[in-house]
Amino acid sequence: IILCFFADPELAYWVTTVAVVLLCMGRIYYAHTKCGLPVVLFLSKVIAPCMTVSILVCMALAVVVSLFEPSLLRLTASVVVSTLTLFVSAYFIALRDDEKMMVRNIIITLKHRI
């Protein structure tokens, strides 16, 4: 609808982002009232680490975009840098110790298969 009336893809993304955030807030409220979700704990243990990882990935991509002219090299560097930044920061920031152990076990299992 936004694209039909305004023909601005960026505006469509912003509207979608706002809608997703509002829906998430509604879901958190619903989970709090119906299931007793501790909101502060959820925000500090789930949302804050995910936001931190997202910000780090965006910052890494901003550096790549500022260093390279638009090209296949910049695309490749963006994919590599964002993937590495995502995996490393998610491992050290977003995962709990038991989740890190699961990741290590999966890597060991894959390593033995190869």
Protein backbone atom coordinates (compact mmCIF):
# COMPACT_ATOMS: atom_id res chain seq x y z
CA ILE A 1 0.00 0.00 0.00
CA ILE A 2 2.84 2.39 0.91
CA LEU A 3 4.60 1.62 -2.37
CA CYS A 4 1.43 2.19 -4.38
CA PHE A 5 0.71 5.57 -2.84
CA PHE A 6 4.18 6.96 -2.16
CA ALA A 7 6.55 4.93 -4.42
CA ASP A 8 9.24 5.12 -1.74
CA PRO A 9 10.83 1.76 -0.80
CA GLU A 10 12.63 3.27 2.18
CA LEU A 11 9.34 4.51 3.64
CA ALA A 12 7.86 1.03 3.21
CA TYR A 13 10.75 -0.45 5.20
CA TRP A 14 10.31 2.14 7.96
CA VAL A 15 6.59 1.46 8.18
CA THR A 16 7.27 -2.28 8.35
CA THR A 17 9.91 -1.78 11.05
CA VAL A 18 7.57 0.34 13.17
CA ALA A 19 4.79 -2.24 12.74
CA VAL A 20 7.11 -5.08 13.82
CA VAL A 21 8.28 -3.14 16.88
CA LEU A 22 4.69 -2.35 17.89
CA LEU A 23 3.65 -5.97 17.39
CA CYS A 24 6.59 -7.14 19.51
CA MET A 25 5.59 -4.74 22.26
CA GLY A 26 2.05 -6.11 22.11
CA ARG A 27 3.31 -9.69 22.30
CA ILE A 28 5.53 -8.88 25.27
CA TYR A 29 2.61 -7.21 27.04
CA TYR A 30 0.37 -10.18 26.28
CA ALA A 31 3.01 -12.66 27.50
CA HIS A 32 3.42 -10.60 30.65
CA THR A 33 -0.29 -10.40 31.46
CA LYS A 34 -1.29 -13.93 30.42
CA CYS A 35 1.85 -15.95 31.20
CA GLY A 36 3.67 -13.86 33.79
CA LEU A 37 6.67 -13.08 31.61
CA PRO A 38 9.13 -10.98 33.63
CA VAL A 39 9.46 -8.07 31.20
CA VAL A 40 12.62 -6.50 32.64
CA LEU A 41 14.40 -9.85 32.69
CA PHE A 42 13.26 -10.57 29.11
CA LEU A 43 14.45 -7.17 27.91
CA SER A 44 17.83 -7.50 29.62
CA LYS A 45 18.50 -11.14 28.73
CA VAL A 46 16.99 -11.33 25.23
CA ILE A 47 16.31 -7.96 23.63
CA ALA A 48 19.41 -6.06 24.82
CA PRO A 49 21.91 -8.70 23.60
CA CYS A 50 20.11 -8.99 20.25
CA MET A 51 20.10 -5.21 19.83
CA THR A 52 23.80 -5.05 20.74
CA VAL A 53 24.63 -7.67 18.10
CA SER A 54 22.50 -5.83 15.52
CA ILE A 55 24.21 -2.52 16.26
CA LEU A 56 27.66 -4.11 15.96
CA VAL A 57 26.79 -5.67 12.60
CA CYS A 58 25.41 -2.35 11.33
CA MET A 59 28.54 -0.52 12.47
CA ALA A 60 30.79 -3.07 10.74
CA LEU A 61 28.75 -2.73 7.55
CA ALA A 62 28.93 1.06 7.75
CA VAL A 63 32.72 0.81 7.83
CA VAL A 64 32.77 -1.46 4.77
CA VAL A 65 30.38 0.80 2.86
CA SER A 66 32.49 3.86 3.68
CA LEU A 67 35.74 2.19 2.61
CA PHE A 68 34.67 0.77 -0.77
CA GLU A 69 32.98 2.17 -3.83
CA PRO A 70 29.87 0.28 -4.98
CA SER A 71 31.19 -2.88 -6.63
CA LEU A 72 31.29 -6.64 -6.43
CA LEU A 73 34.23 -6.30 -4.03
CA ARG A 74 32.11 -4.17 -1.66
CA LEU A 75 29.26 -6.67 -1.87
CA THR A 76 31.62 -9.55 -1.08
CA ALA A 77 33.28 -7.64 1.76
CA SER A 78 29.87 -6.71 3.16
CA VAL A 79 28.69 -10.32 3.16
CA VAL A 80 31.90 -11.61 4.74
CA VAL A 81 32.18 -8.86 7.36
CA SER A 82 28.52 -8.96 8.33
CA THR A 83 28.50 -12.76 8.60
CA LEU A 84 31.67 -12.89 10.68
CA THR A 85 30.55 -10.00 12.88
CA LEU A 86 27.16 -11.64 13.39
CA PHE A 87 28.57 -15.05 14.33
CA VAL A 88 31.33 -13.76 16.60
CA SER A 89 29.26 -11.12 18.38
CA ALA A 90 26.25 -13.43 18.75
CA TYR A 91 28.46 -16.14 20.22
CA PHE A 92 30.11 -13.86 22.77
CA ILE A 93 27.21 -11.49 23.52
CA ALA A 94 23.87 -13.18 22.86
CA LEU A 95 24.42 -16.84 23.71
CA ARG A 96 24.26 -18.28 27.22
CA ASP A 97 26.87 -20.79 28.38
CA ASP A 98 24.68 -23.81 27.63
CA GLU A 99 23.98 -22.50 24.14
CA LYS A 100 27.70 -21.94 23.56
CA MET A 101 28.31 -25.56 24.58
CA MET A 102 25.70 -26.72 22.05
CA VAL A 103 27.42 -24.70 19.31
CA ARG A 104 30.81 -26.17 20.26
CA ASN A 105 29.36 -29.70 20.16
CA ILE A 106 27.84 -29.09 16.72
CA ILE A 107 31.17 -27.76 15.42
CA ILE A 108 33.02 -30.77 16.85
CA THR A 109 30.49 -33.14 15.30
CA LEU A 110 30.80 -31.45 11.90
CA LYS A 111 34.58 -31.45 12.20
CA HIS A 112 34.60 -35.22 12.81
CA ARG A 113 32.34 -35.84 9.81
CA ILE A 114 34.73 -34.01 7.54
